[in-house]
Amino acid sequence: SIRFAPNEWKHEEGLLIRYFGVTR
C-alpha cells in the first residue's frame, strides 16, 4: 500500500492505493 497525504493548497483528503498480487 501507498498512502498519499493531501496537498494543503489543493486537496481536501488524501489517497490510499492498495496493490494485490504484486509481482514487481
PDBML (XML) file of the C-alpha atoms, coordinates in Angstrom:
<?xml version="1.0" encoding="UTF-8" ?>
<PDBx:datablock datablockName="MODEL"
   xmlns:PDBx="http://pdbml.pdb.org/schema/pdbx-v50.xsd"
   xmlns:xsi="http://www.w3.org/2001/XMLSchema-instance"
   xsi:schemaLocation="http://pdbml.pdb.org/schema/pdbx-v50.xsd pdbx-v50.xsd">
   <PDBx:atom_siteCategory>
      <PDBx:atom_site id="1">
         <PDBx:B_iso_or_equiv>0.00</PDBx:B_iso_or_equiv>
         <PDBx:Cartn_x>0.000</PDBx:Cartn_x>
         <PDBx:Cartn_y>0.000</PDBx:Cartn_y>
         <PDBx:Cartn_z>0.000</PDBx:Cartn_z>
         <PDBx:auth_asym_id>A</PDBx:auth_asym_id>
         <PDBx:auth_atom_id>CA</PDBx:auth_atom_id>
         <PDBx:auth_comp_id>SER</PDBx:auth_comp_id>
         <PDBx:auth_seq_id>1</PDBx:auth_seq_id>
         <PDBx:group_PDB>ATOM</PDBx:group_PDB>
         <PDBx:label_alt_id xsi:nil="true" />
         <PDBx:label_asym_id>A</PDBx:label_asym_id>
         <PDBx:label_atom_id>CA</PDBx:label_atom_id>
         <PDBx:label_comp_id>SER</PDBx:label_comp_id>
         <PDBx:label_entity_id>1</PDBx:label_entity_id>
         <PDBx:label_seq_id>1</PDBx:label_seq_id>
         <PDBx:occupancy>1.00</PDBx:occupancy>
         <PDBx:pdbx_PDB_model_num>1</PDBx:pdbx_PDB_model_num>
         <PDBx:type_symbol>C</PDBx:type_symbol>
      </PDBx:atom_site>
      <PDBx:atom_site id="2">
         <PDBx:B_iso_or_equiv>0.00</PDBx:B_iso_or_equiv>
         <PDBx:Cartn_x>0.971</PDBx:Cartn_x>
         <PDBx:Cartn_y>3.585</PDBx:Cartn_y>
         <PDBx:Cartn_z>-0.689</PDBx:Cartn_z>
         <PDBx:auth_asym_id>A</PDBx:auth_asym_id>
         <PDBx:auth_atom_id>CA</PDBx:auth_atom_id>
         <PDBx:auth_comp_id>ILE</PDBx:auth_comp_id>
         <PDBx:auth_seq_id>2</PDBx:auth_seq_id>
         <PDBx:group_PDB>ATOM</PDBx:group_PDB>
         <PDBx:label_alt_id xsi:nil="true" />
         <PDBx:label_asym_id>A</PDBx:label_asym_id>
         <PDBx:label_atom_id>CA</PDBx:label_atom_id>
         <PDBx:label_comp_id>ILE</PDBx:label_comp_id>
         <PDBx:label_entity_id>1</PDBx:label_entity_id>
         <PDBx:label_seq_id>2</PDBx:label_seq_id>
         <PDBx:occupancy>1.00</PDBx:occupancy>
         <PDBx:pdbx_PDB_model_num>1</PDBx:pdbx_PDB_model_num>
         <PDBx:type_symbol>C</PDBx:type_symbol>
      </PDBx:atom_site>
      <PDBx:atom_site id="3">
         <PDBx:B_iso_or_equiv>0.00</PDBx:B_iso_or_equiv>
         <PDBx:Cartn_x>-0.573</PDBx:Cartn_x>
         <PDBx:Cartn_y>6.453</PDBx:Cartn_y>
         <PDBx:Cartn_z>1.227</PDBx:Cartn_z>
         <PDBx:auth_asym_id>A</PDBx:auth_asym_id>
         <PDBx:auth_atom_id>CA</PDBx:auth_atom_id>
         <PDBx:auth_comp_id>ARG</PDBx:auth_comp_id>
         <PDBx:auth_seq_id>3</PDBx:auth_seq_id>
         <PDBx:group_PDB>ATOM</PDBx:group_PDB>
         <PDBx:label_alt_id xsi:nil="true" />
         <PDBx:label_asym_id>A</PDBx:label_asym_id>
         <PDBx:label_atom_id>CA</PDBx:label_atom_id>
         <PDBx:label_comp_id>ARG</PDBx:label_comp_id>
         <PDBx:label_entity_id>1</PDBx:label_entity_id>
         <PDBx:label_seq_id>3</PDBx:label_seq_id>
         <PDBx:occupancy>1.00</PDBx:occupancy>
         <PDBx:pdbx_PDB_model_num>1</PDBx:pdbx_PDB_model_num>
         <PDBx:type_symbol>C</PDBx:type_symbol>
      </PDBx:atom_site>
      <PDBx:atom_site id="4">
         <PDBx:B_iso_or_equiv>0.00</PDBx:B_iso_or_equiv>
         <PDBx:Cartn_x>-0.533</PDBx:Cartn_x>
         <PDBx:Cartn_y>9.970</PDBx:Cartn_y>
         <PDBx:Cartn_z>-0.167</PDBx:Cartn_z>
         <PDBx:auth_asym_id>A</PDBx:auth_asym_id>
         <PDBx:auth_atom_id>CA</PDBx:auth_atom_id>
         <PDBx:auth_comp_id>PHE</PDBx:auth_comp_id>
         <PDBx:auth_seq_id>4</PDBx:auth_seq_id>
         <PDBx:group_PDB>ATOM</PDBx:group_PDB>
         <PDBx:label_alt_id xsi:nil="true" />
         <PDBx:label_asym_id>A</PDBx:label_asym_id>
         <PDBx:label_atom_id>CA</PDBx:label_atom_id>
         <PDBx:label_comp_id>PHE</PDBx:label_comp_id>
         <PDBx:label_entity_id>1</PDBx:label_entity_id>
         <PDBx:label_seq_id>4</PDBx:label_seq_id>
         <PDBx:occupancy>1.00</PDBx:occupancy>
         <PDBx:pdbx_PDB_model_num>1</PDBx:pdbx_PDB_model_num>
         <PDBx:type_symbol>C</PDBx:type_symbol>
      </PDBx:atom_site>
      <PDBx:atom_site id="5">
         <PDBx:B_iso_or_equiv>0.00</PDBx:B_iso_or_equiv>
         <PDBx:Cartn_x>-1.272</PDBx:Cartn_x>
         <PDBx:Cartn_y>12.973</PDBx:Cartn_y>
         <PDBx:Cartn_z>2.007</PDBx:Cartn_z>
         <PDBx:auth_asym_id>A</PDBx:auth_asym_id>
         <PDBx:auth_atom_id>CA</PDBx:auth_atom_id>
         <PDBx:auth_comp_id>ALA</PDBx:auth_comp_id>
         <PDBx:auth_seq_id>5</PDBx:auth_seq_id>
         <PDBx:group_PDB>ATOM</PDBx:group_PDB>
         <PDBx:label_alt_id xsi:nil="true" />
         <PDBx:label_asym_id>A</PDBx:label_asym_id>
         <PDBx:label_atom_id>CA</PDBx:label_atom_id>
         <PDBx:label_comp_id>ALA</PDBx:label_comp_id>
         <PDBx:label_entity_id>1</PDBx:label_entity_id>
         <PDBx:label_seq_id>5</PDBx:label_seq_id>
         <PDBx:occupancy>1.00</PDBx:occupancy>
         <PDBx:pdbx_PDB_model_num>1</PDBx:pdbx_PDB_model_num>
         <PDBx:type_symbol>C</PDBx:type_symbol>
      </PDBx:atom_site>
      <PDBx:atom_site id="6">
         <PDBx:B_iso_or_equiv>0.00</PDBx:B_iso_or_equiv>
         <PDBx:Cartn_x>-3.306</PDBx:Cartn_x>
         <PDBx:Cartn_y>15.865</PDBx:Cartn_y>
         <PDBx:Cartn_z>0.633</PDBx:Cartn_z>
         <PDBx:auth_asym_id>A</PDBx:auth_asym_id>
         <PDBx:auth_atom_id>CA</PDBx:auth_atom_id>
         <PDBx:auth_comp_id>PRO</PDBx:auth_comp_id>
         <PDBx:auth_seq_id>6</PDBx:auth_seq_id>
         <PDBx:group_PDB>ATOM</PDBx:group_PDB>
         <PDBx:label_alt_id xsi:nil="true" />
         <PDBx:label_asym_id>A</PDBx:label_asym_id>
         <PDBx:label_atom_id>CA</PDBx:label_atom_id>
         <PDBx:label_comp_id>PRO</PDBx:label_comp_id>
         <PDBx:label_entity_id>1</PDBx:label_entity_id>
         <PDBx:label_seq_id>6</PDBx:label_seq_id>
         <PDBx:occupancy>1.00</PDBx:occupancy>
         <PDBx:pdbx_PDB_model_num>1</PDBx:pdbx_PDB_model_num>
         <PDBx:type_symbol>C</PDBx:type_symbol>
      </PDBx:atom_site>
      <PDBx:atom_site id="7">
         <PDBx:B_iso_or_equiv>0.00</PDBx:B_iso_or_equiv>
         <PDBx:Cartn_x>-1.520</PDBx:Cartn_x>
         <PDBx:Cartn_y>18.942</PDBx:Cartn_y>
         <PDBx:Cartn_z>-0.598</PDBx:Cartn_z>
         <PDBx:auth_asym_id>A</PDBx:auth_asym_id>
         <PDBx:auth_atom_id>CA</PDBx:auth_atom_id>
         <PDBx:auth_comp_id>ASN</PDBx:auth_comp_id>
         <PDBx:auth_seq_id>7</PDBx:auth_seq_id>
         <PDBx:group_PDB>ATOM</PDBx:group_PDB>
         <PDBx:label_alt_id xsi:nil="true" />
         <PDBx:label_asym_id>A</PDBx:label_asym_id>
         <PDBx:label_atom_id>CA</PDBx:label_atom_id>
         <PDBx:label_comp_id>ASN</PDBx:label_comp_id>
         <PDBx:label_entity_id>1</PDBx:label_entity_id>
         <PDBx:label_seq_id>7</PDBx:label_seq_id>
         <PDBx:occupancy>1.00</PDBx:occupancy>
         <PDBx:pdbx_PDB_model_num>1</PDBx:pdbx_PDB_model_num>
         <PDBx:type_symbol>C</PDBx:type_symbol>
      </PDBx:atom_site>
      <PDBx:atom_site id="8">
         <PDBx:B_iso_or_equiv>0.00</PDBx:B_iso_or_equiv>
         <PDBx:Cartn_x>-2.788</PDBx:Cartn_x>
         <PDBx:Cartn_y>21.645</PDBx:Cartn_y>
         <PDBx:Cartn_z>1.736</PDBx:Cartn_z>
         <PDBx:auth_asym_id>A</PDBx:auth_asym_id>
         <PDBx:auth_atom_id>CA</PDBx:auth_atom_id>
         <PDBx:auth_comp_id>GLU</PDBx:auth_comp_id>
         <PDBx:auth_seq_id>8</PDBx:auth_seq_id>
         <PDBx:group_PDB>ATOM</PDBx:group_PDB>
         <PDBx:label_alt_id xsi:nil="true" />
         <PDBx:label_asym_id>A</PDBx:label_asym_id>
         <PDBx:label_atom_id>CA</PDBx:label_atom_id>
         <PDBx:label_comp_id>GLU</PDBx:label_comp_id>
         <PDBx:label_entity_id>1</PDBx:label_entity_id>
         <PDBx:label_seq_id>8</PDBx:label_seq_id>
         <PDBx:occupancy>1.00</PDBx:occupancy>
         <PDBx:pdbx_PDB_model_num>1</PDBx:pdbx_PDB_model_num>
         <PDBx:type_symbol>C</PDBx:type_symbol>
      </PDBx:atom_site>
      <PDBx:atom_site id="9">
         <PDBx:B_iso_or_equiv>0.00</PDBx:B_iso_or_equiv>
         <PDBx:Cartn_x>-3.283</PDBx:Cartn_x>
         <PDBx:Cartn_y>24.101</PDBx:Cartn_y>
         <PDBx:Cartn_z>-1.149</PDBx:Cartn_z>
         <PDBx:auth_asym_id>A</PDBx:auth_asym_id>
         <PDBx:auth_atom_id>CA</PDBx:auth_atom_id>
         <PDBx:auth_comp_id>TRP</PDBx:auth_comp_id>
         <PDBx:auth_seq_id>9</PDBx:auth_seq_id>
         <PDBx:group_PDB>ATOM</PDBx:group_PDB>
         <PDBx:label_alt_id xsi:nil="true" />
         <PDBx:label_asym_id>A</PDBx:label_asym_id>
         <PDBx:label_atom_id>CA</PDBx:label_atom_id>
         <PDBx:label_comp_id>TRP</PDBx:label_comp_id>
         <PDBx:label_entity_id>1</PDBx:label_entity_id>
         <PDBx:label_seq_id>9</PDBx:label_seq_id>
         <PDBx:occupancy>1.00</PDBx:occupancy>
         <PDBx:pdbx_PDB_model_num>1</PDBx:pdbx_PDB_model_num>
         <PDBx:type_symbol>C</PDBx:type_symbol>
      </PDBx:atom_site>
      <PDBx:atom_site id="10">
         <PDBx:B_iso_or_equiv>0.00</PDBx:B_iso_or_equiv>
         <PDBx:Cartn_x>-5.257</PDBx:Cartn_x>
         <PDBx:Cartn_y>21.732</PDBx:Cartn_y>
         <PDBx:Cartn_z>-3.368</PDBx:Cartn_z>
         <PDBx:auth_asym_id>A</PDBx:auth_asym_id>
         <PDBx:auth_atom_id>CA</PDBx:auth_atom_id>
         <PDBx:auth_comp_id>LYS</PDBx:auth_comp_id>
         <PDBx:auth_seq_id>10</PDBx:auth_seq_id>
         <PDBx:group_PDB>ATOM</PDBx:group_PDB>
         <PDBx:label_alt_id xsi:nil="true" />
         <PDBx:label_asym_id>A</PDBx:label_asym_id>
         <PDBx:label_atom_id>CA</PDBx:label_atom_id>
         <PDBx:label_comp_id>LYS</PDBx:label_comp_id>
         <PDBx:label_entity_id>1</PDBx:label_entity_id>
         <PDBx:label_seq_id>10</PDBx:label_seq_id>
         <PDBx:occupancy>1.00</PDBx:occupancy>
         <PDBx:pdbx_PDB_model_num>1</PDBx:pdbx_PDB_model_num>
         <PDBx:type_symbol>C</PDBx:type_symbol>
      </PDBx:atom_site>
      <PDBx:atom_site id="11">
         <PDBx:B_iso_or_equiv>0.00</PDBx:B_iso_or_equiv>
         <PDBx:Cartn_x>-6.746</PDBx:Cartn_x>
         <PDBx:Cartn_y>18.602</PDBx:Cartn_y>
         <PDBx:Cartn_z>-1.805</PDBx:Cartn_z>
         <PDBx:auth_asym_id>A</PDBx:auth_asym_id>
         <PDBx:auth_atom_id>CA</PDBx:auth_atom_id>
         <PDBx:auth_comp_id>HIS</PDBx:auth_comp_id>
         <PDBx:auth_seq_id>11</PDBx:auth_seq_id>
         <PDBx:group_PDB>ATOM</PDBx:group_PDB>
         <PDBx:label_alt_id xsi:nil="true" />
         <PDBx:label_asym_id>A</PDBx:label_asym_id>
         <PDBx:label_atom_id>CA</PDBx:label_atom_id>
         <PDBx:label_comp_id>HIS</PDBx:label_comp_id>
         <PDBx:label_entity_id>1</PDBx:label_entity_id>
         <PDBx:label_seq_id>11</PDBx:label_seq_id>
         <PDBx:occupancy>1.00</PDBx:occupancy>
         <PDBx:pdbx_PDB_model_num>1</PDBx:pdbx_PDB_model_num>
         <PDBx:type_symbol>C</PDBx:type_symbol>
      </PDBx:atom_site>
      <PDBx:atom_site id="12">
         <PDBx:B_iso_or_equiv>0.00</PDBx:B_iso_or_equiv>
         <PDBx:Cartn_x>-9.333</PDBx:Cartn_x>
         <PDBx:Cartn_y>18.094</PDBx:Cartn_y>
         <PDBx:Cartn_z>0.912</PDBx:Cartn_z>
         <PDBx:auth_asym_id>A</PDBx:auth_asym_id>
         <PDBx:auth_atom_id>CA</PDBx:auth_atom_id>
         <PDBx:auth_comp_id>GLU</PDBx:auth_comp_id>
         <PDBx:auth_seq_id>12</PDBx:auth_seq_id>
         <PDBx:group_PDB>ATOM</PDBx:group_PDB>
         <PDBx:label_alt_id xsi:nil="true" />
         <PDBx:label_asym_id>A</PDBx:label_asym_id>
         <PDBx:label_atom_id>CA</PDBx:label_atom_id>
         <PDBx:label_comp_id>GLU</PDBx:label_comp_id>
         <PDBx:label_entity_id>1</PDBx:label_entity_id>
         <PDBx:label_seq_id>12</PDBx:label_seq_id>
         <PDBx:occupancy>1.00</PDBx:occupancy>
         <PDBx:pdbx_PDB_model_num>1</PDBx:pdbx_PDB_model_num>
         <PDBx:type_symbol>C</PDBx:type_symbol>
      </PDBx:atom_site>
      <PDBx:atom_site id="13">
         <PDBx:B_iso_or_equiv>0.00</PDBx:B_iso_or_equiv>
         <PDBx:Cartn_x>-8.339</PDBx:Cartn_x>
         <PDBx:Cartn_y>14.472</PDBx:Cartn_y>
         <PDBx:Cartn_z>1.513</PDBx:Cartn_z>
         <PDBx:auth_asym_id>A</PDBx:auth_asym_id>
         <PDBx:auth_atom_id>CA</PDBx:auth_atom_id>
         <PDBx:auth_comp_id>GLU</PDBx:auth_comp_id>
         <PDBx:auth_seq_id>13</PDBx:auth_seq_id>
         <PDBx:group_PDB>ATOM</PDBx:group_PDB>
         <PDBx:label_alt_id xsi:nil="true" />
         <PDBx:label_asym_id>A</PDBx:label_asym_id>
         <PDBx:label_atom_id>CA</PDBx:label_atom_id>
         <PDBx:label_comp_id>GLU</PDBx:label_comp_id>
         <PDBx:label_entity_id>1</PDBx:label_entity_id>
         <PDBx:label_seq_id>13</PDBx:label_seq_id>
         <PDBx:occupancy>1.00</PDBx:occupancy>
         <PDBx:pdbx_PDB_model_num>1</PDBx:pdbx_PDB_model_num>
         <PDBx:type_symbol>C</PDBx:type_symbol>
      </PDBx:atom_site>
      <PDBx:atom_site id="14">
         <PDBx:B_iso_or_equiv>0.00</PDBx:B_iso_or_equiv>
         <PDBx:Cartn_x>-5.521</PDBx:Cartn_x>
         <PDBx:Cartn_y>12.033</PDBx:Cartn_y>
         <PDBx:Cartn_z>0.888</PDBx:Cartn_z>
         <PDBx:auth_asym_id>A</PDBx:auth_asym_id>
         <PDBx:auth_atom_id>CA</PDBx:auth_atom_id>
         <PDBx:auth_comp_id>GLY</PDBx:auth_comp_id>
         <PDBx:auth_seq_id>14</PDBx:auth_seq_id>
         <PDBx:group_PDB>ATOM</PDBx:group_PDB>
         <PDBx:label_alt_id xsi:nil="true" />
         <PDBx:label_asym_id>A</PDBx:label_asym_id>
         <PDBx:label_atom_id>CA</PDBx:label_atom_id>
         <PDBx:label_comp_id>GLY</PDBx:label_comp_id>
         <PDBx:label_entity_id>1</PDBx:label_entity_id>
         <PDBx:label_seq_id>14</PDBx:label_seq_id>
         <PDBx:occupancy>1.00</PDBx:occupancy>
         <PDBx:pdbx_PDB_model_num>1</PDBx:pdbx_PDB_model_num>
         <PDBx:type_symbol>C</PDBx:type_symbol>
      </PDBx:atom_site>
      <PDBx:atom_site id="15">
         <PDBx:B_iso_or_equiv>0.00</PDBx:B_iso_or_equiv>
         <PDBx:Cartn_x>-5.400</PDBx:Cartn_x>
         <PDBx:Cartn_y>8.850</PDBx:Cartn_y>
         <PDBx:Cartn_z>-1.168</PDBx:Cartn_z>
         <PDBx:auth_asym_id>A</PDBx:auth_asym_id>
         <PDBx:auth_atom_id>CA</PDBx:auth_atom_id>
         <PDBx:auth_comp_id>LEU</PDBx:auth_comp_id>
         <PDBx:auth_seq_id>15</PDBx:auth_seq_id>
         <PDBx:group_PDB>ATOM</PDBx:group_PDB>
         <PDBx:label_alt_id xsi:nil="true" />
         <PDBx:label_asym_id>A</PDBx:label_asym_id>
         <PDBx:label_atom_id>CA</PDBx:label_atom_id>
         <PDBx:label_comp_id>LEU</PDBx:label_comp_id>
         <PDBx:label_entity_id>1</PDBx:label_entity_id>
         <PDBx:label_seq_id>15</PDBx:label_seq_id>
         <PDBx:occupancy>1.00</PDBx:occupancy>
         <PDBx:pdbx_PDB_model_num>1</PDBx:pdbx_PDB_model_num>
         <PDBx:type_symbol>C</PDBx:type_symbol>
      </PDBx:atom_site>
      <PDBx:atom_site id="16">
         <PDBx:B_iso_or_equiv>0.00</PDBx:B_iso_or_equiv>
         <PDBx:Cartn_x>-4.632</PDBx:Cartn_x>
         <PDBx:Cartn_y>5.246</PDBx:Cartn_y>
         <PDBx:Cartn_z>-0.243</PDBx:Cartn_z>
         <PDBx:auth_asym_id>A</PDBx:auth_asym_id>
         <PDBx:auth_atom_id>CA</PDBx:auth_atom_id>
         <PDBx:auth_comp_id>LEU</PDBx:auth_comp_id>
         <PDBx:auth_seq_id>16</PDBx:auth_seq_id>
         <PDBx:group_PDB>ATOM</PDBx:group_PDB>
         <PDBx:label_alt_id xsi:nil="true" />
         <PDBx:label_asym_id>A</PDBx:label_asym_id>
         <PDBx:label_atom_id>CA</PDBx:label_atom_id>
         <PDBx:label_comp_id>LEU</PDBx:label_comp_id>
         <PDBx:label_entity_id>1</PDBx:label_entity_id>
         <PDBx:label_seq_id>16</PDBx:label_seq_id>
         <PDBx:occupancy>1.00</PDBx:occupancy>
         <PDBx:pdbx_PDB_model_num>1</PDBx:pdbx_PDB_model_num>
         <PDBx:type_symbol>C</PDBx:type_symbol>
      </PDBx:atom_site>
      <PDBx:atom_site id="17">
         <PDBx:B_iso_or_equiv>0.00</PDBx:B_iso_or_equiv>
         <PDBx:Cartn_x>-3.759</PDBx:Cartn_x>
         <PDBx:Cartn_y>2.814</PDBx:Cartn_y>
         <PDBx:Cartn_z>-3.032</PDBx:Cartn_z>
         <PDBx:auth_asym_id>A</PDBx:auth_asym_id>
         <PDBx:auth_atom_id>CA</PDBx:auth_atom_id>
         <PDBx:auth_comp_id>ILE</PDBx:auth_comp_id>
         <PDBx:auth_seq_id>17</PDBx:auth_seq_id>
         <PDBx:group_PDB>ATOM</PDBx:group_PDB>
         <PDBx:label_alt_id xsi:nil="true" />
         <PDBx:label_asym_id>A</PDBx:label_asym_id>
         <PDBx:label_atom_id>CA</PDBx:label_atom_id>
         <PDBx:label_comp_id>ILE</PDBx:label_comp_id>
         <PDBx:label_entity_id>1</PDBx:label_entity_id>
         <PDBx:label_seq_id>17</PDBx:label_seq_id>
         <PDBx:occupancy>1.00</PDBx:occupancy>
         <PDBx:pdbx_PDB_model_num>1</PDBx:pdbx_PDB_model_num>
         <PDBx:type_symbol>C</PDBx:type_symbol>
      </PDBx:atom_site>
      <PDBx:atom_site id="18">
         <PDBx:B_iso_or_equiv>0.00</PDBx:B_iso_or_equiv>
         <PDBx:Cartn_x>-3.592</PDBx:Cartn_x>
         <PDBx:Cartn_y>-0.897</PDBx:Cartn_y>
         <PDBx:Cartn_z>-2.219</PDBx:Cartn_z>
         <PDBx:auth_asym_id>A</PDBx:auth_asym_id>
         <PDBx:auth_atom_id>CA</PDBx:auth_atom_id>
         <PDBx:auth_comp_id>ARG</PDBx:auth_comp_id>
         <PDBx:auth_seq_id>18</PDBx:auth_seq_id>
         <PDBx:group_PDB>ATOM</PDBx:group_PDB>
         <PDBx:label_alt_id xsi:nil="true" />
         <PDBx:label_asym_id>A</PDBx:label_asym_id>
         <PDBx:label_atom_id>CA</PDBx:label_atom_id>
         <PDBx:label_comp_id>ARG</PDBx:label_comp_id>
         <PDBx:label_entity_id>1</PDBx:label_entity_id>
         <PDBx:label_seq_id>18</PDBx:label_seq_id>
         <PDBx:occupancy>1.00</PDBx:occupancy>
         <PDBx:pdbx_PDB_model_num>1</PDBx:pdbx_PDB_model_num>
         <PDBx:type_symbol>C</PDBx:type_symbol>
      </PDBx:atom_site>
      <PDBx:atom_site id="19">
         <PDBx:B_iso_or_equiv>0.00</PDBx:B_iso_or_equiv>
         <PDBx:Cartn_x>-1.977</PDBx:Cartn_x>
         <PDBx:Cartn_y>-3.307</PDBx:Cartn_y>
         <PDBx:Cartn_z>-4.670</PDBx:Cartn_z>
         <PDBx:auth_asym_id>A</PDBx:auth_asym_id>
         <PDBx:auth_atom_id>CA</PDBx:auth_atom_id>
         <PDBx:auth_comp_id>TYR</PDBx:auth_comp_id>
         <PDBx:auth_seq_id>19</PDBx:auth_seq_id>
         <PDBx:group_PDB>ATOM</PDBx:group_PDB>
         <PDBx:label_alt_id xsi:nil="true" />
         <PDBx:label_asym_id>A</PDBx:label_asym_id>
         <PDBx:label_atom_id>CA</PDBx:label_atom_id>
         <PDBx:label_comp_id>TYR</PDBx:label_comp_id>
         <PDBx:label_entity_id>1</PDBx:label_entity_id>
         <PDBx:label_seq_id>19</PDBx:label_seq_id>
         <PDBx:occupancy>1.00</PDBx:occupancy>
         <PDBx:pdbx_PDB_model_num>1</PDBx:pdbx_PDB_model_num>
         <PDBx:type_symbol>C</PDBx:type_symbol>
      </PDBx:atom_site>
      <PDBx:atom_site id="20">
         <PDBx:B_iso_or_equiv>0.00</PDBx:B_iso_or_equiv>
         <PDBx:Cartn_x>-2.892</PDBx:Cartn_x>
         <PDBx:Cartn_y>-7.000</PDBx:Cartn_y>
         <PDBx:Cartn_z>-4.721</PDBx:Cartn_z>
         <PDBx:auth_asym_id>A</PDBx:auth_asym_id>
         <PDBx:auth_atom_id>CA</PDBx:auth_atom_id>
         <PDBx:auth_comp_id>PHE</PDBx:auth_comp_id>
         <PDBx:auth_seq_id>20</PDBx:auth_seq_id>
         <PDBx:group_PDB>ATOM</PDBx:group_PDB>
         <PDBx:label_alt_id xsi:nil="true" />
         <PDBx:label_asym_id>A</PDBx:label_asym_id>
         <PDBx:label_atom_id>CA</PDBx:label_atom_id>
         <PDBx:label_comp_id>PHE</PDBx:label_comp_id>
         <PDBx:label_entity_id>1</PDBx:label_entity_id>
         <PDBx:label_seq_id>20</PDBx:label_seq_id>
         <PDBx:occupancy>1.00</PDBx:occupancy>
         <PDBx:pdbx_PDB_model_num>1</PDBx:pdbx_PDB_model_num>
         <PDBx:type_symbol>C</PDBx:type_symbol>
      </PDBx:atom_site>
      <PDBx:atom_site id="21">
         <PDBx:B_iso_or_equiv>0.00</PDBx:B_iso_or_equiv>
         <PDBx:Cartn_x>-0.881</PDBx:Cartn_x>
         <PDBx:Cartn_y>-9.857</PDBx:Cartn_y>
         <PDBx:Cartn_z>-6.192</PDBx:Cartn_z>
         <PDBx:auth_asym_id>A</PDBx:auth_asym_id>
         <PDBx:auth_atom_id>CA</PDBx:auth_atom_id>
         <PDBx:auth_comp_id>GLY</PDBx:auth_comp_id>
         <PDBx:auth_seq_id>21</PDBx:auth_seq_id>
         <PDBx:group_PDB>ATOM</PDBx:group_PDB>
         <PDBx:label_alt_id xsi:nil="true" />
         <PDBx:label_asym_id>A</PDBx:label_asym_id>
         <PDBx:label_atom_id>CA</PDBx:label_atom_id>
         <PDBx:label_comp_id>GLY</PDBx:label_comp_id>
         <PDBx:label_entity_id>1</PDBx:label_entity_id>
         <PDBx:label_seq_id>21</PDBx:label_seq_id>
         <PDBx:occupancy>1.00</PDBx:occupancy>
         <PDBx:pdbx_PDB_model_num>1</PDBx:pdbx_PDB_model_num>
         <PDBx:type_symbol>C</PDBx:type_symbol>
      </PDBx:atom_site>
      <PDBx:atom_site id="22">
         <PDBx:B_iso_or_equiv>0.00</PDBx:B_iso_or_equiv>
         <PDBx:Cartn_x>2.256</PDBx:Cartn_x>
         <PDBx:Cartn_y>-7.736</PDBx:Cartn_y>
         <PDBx:Cartn_z>-6.518</PDBx:Cartn_z>
         <PDBx:auth_asym_id>A</PDBx:auth_asym_id>
         <PDBx:auth_atom_id>CA</PDBx:auth_atom_id>
         <PDBx:auth_comp_id>VAL</PDBx:auth_comp_id>
         <PDBx:auth_seq_id>22</PDBx:auth_seq_id>
         <PDBx:group_PDB>ATOM</PDBx:group_PDB>
         <PDBx:label_alt_id xsi:nil="true" />
         <PDBx:label_asym_id>A</PDBx:label_asym_id>
         <PDBx:label_atom_id>CA</PDBx:label_atom_id>
         <PDBx:label_comp_id>VAL</PDBx:label_comp_id>
         <PDBx:label_entity_id>1</PDBx:label_entity_id>
         <PDBx:label_seq_id>22</PDBx:label_seq_id>
         <PDBx:occupancy>1.00</PDBx:occupancy>
         <PDBx:pdbx_PDB_model_num>1</PDBx:pdbx_PDB_model_num>
         <PDBx:type_symbol>C</PDBx:type_symbol>
      </PDBx:atom_site>
      <PDBx:atom_site id="23">
         <PDBx:B_iso_or_equiv>0.00</PDBx:B_iso_or_equiv>
         <PDBx:Cartn_x>4.921</PDBx:Cartn_x>
         <PDBx:Cartn_y>-9.243</PDBx:Cartn_y>
         <PDBx:Cartn_z>-8.766</PDBx:Cartn_z>
         <PDBx:auth_asym_id>A</PDBx:auth_asym_id>
         <PDBx:auth_atom_id>CA</PDBx:auth_atom_id>
         <PDBx:auth_comp_id>THR</PDBx:auth_comp_id>
         <PDBx:auth_seq_id>23</PDBx:auth_seq_id>
         <PDBx:group_PDB>ATOM</PDBx:group_PDB>
         <PDBx:label_alt_id xsi:nil="true" />
         <PDBx:label_asym_id>A</PDBx:label_asym_id>
         <PDBx:label_atom_id>CA</PDBx:label_atom_id>
         <PDBx:label_comp_id>THR</PDBx:label_comp_id>
         <PDBx:label_entity_id>1</PDBx:label_entity_id>
         <PDBx:label_seq_id>23</PDBx:label_seq_id>
         <PDBx:occupancy>1.00</PDBx:occupancy>
         <PDBx:pdbx_PDB_model_num>1</PDBx:pdbx_PDB_model_num>
         <PDBx:type_symbol>C</PDBx:type_symbol>
      </PDBx:atom_site>
      <PDBx:atom_site id="24">
         <PDBx:B_iso_or_equiv>0.00</PDBx:B_iso_or_equiv>
         <PDBx:Cartn_x>7.171</PDBx:Cartn_x>
         <PDBx:Cartn_y>-6.189</PDBx:Cartn_y>
         <PDBx:Cartn_z>-9.033</PDBx:Cartn_z>
         <PDBx:auth_asym_id>A</PDBx:auth_asym_id>
         <PDBx:auth_atom_id>CA</PDBx:auth_atom_id>
         <PDBx:auth_comp_id>ARG</PDBx:auth_comp_id>
         <PDBx:auth_seq_id>24</PDBx:auth_seq_id>
         <PDBx:group_PDB>ATOM</PDBx:group_PDB>
         <PDBx:label_alt_id xsi:nil="true" />
         <PDBx:label_asym_id>A</PDBx:label_asym_id>
         <PDBx:label_atom_id>CA</PDBx:label_atom_id>
         <PDBx:label_comp_id>ARG</PDBx:label_comp_id>
         <PDBx:label_entity_id>1</PDBx:label_entity_id>
         <PDBx:label_seq_id>24</PDBx:label_seq_id>
         <PDBx:occupancy>1.00</PDBx:occupancy>
         <PDBx:pdbx_PDB_model_num>1</PDBx:pdbx_PDB_model_num>
         <PDBx:type_symbol>C</PDBx:type_symbol>
      </PDBx:atom_site>
   </PDBx:atom_siteCategory>
</PDBx:datablock>
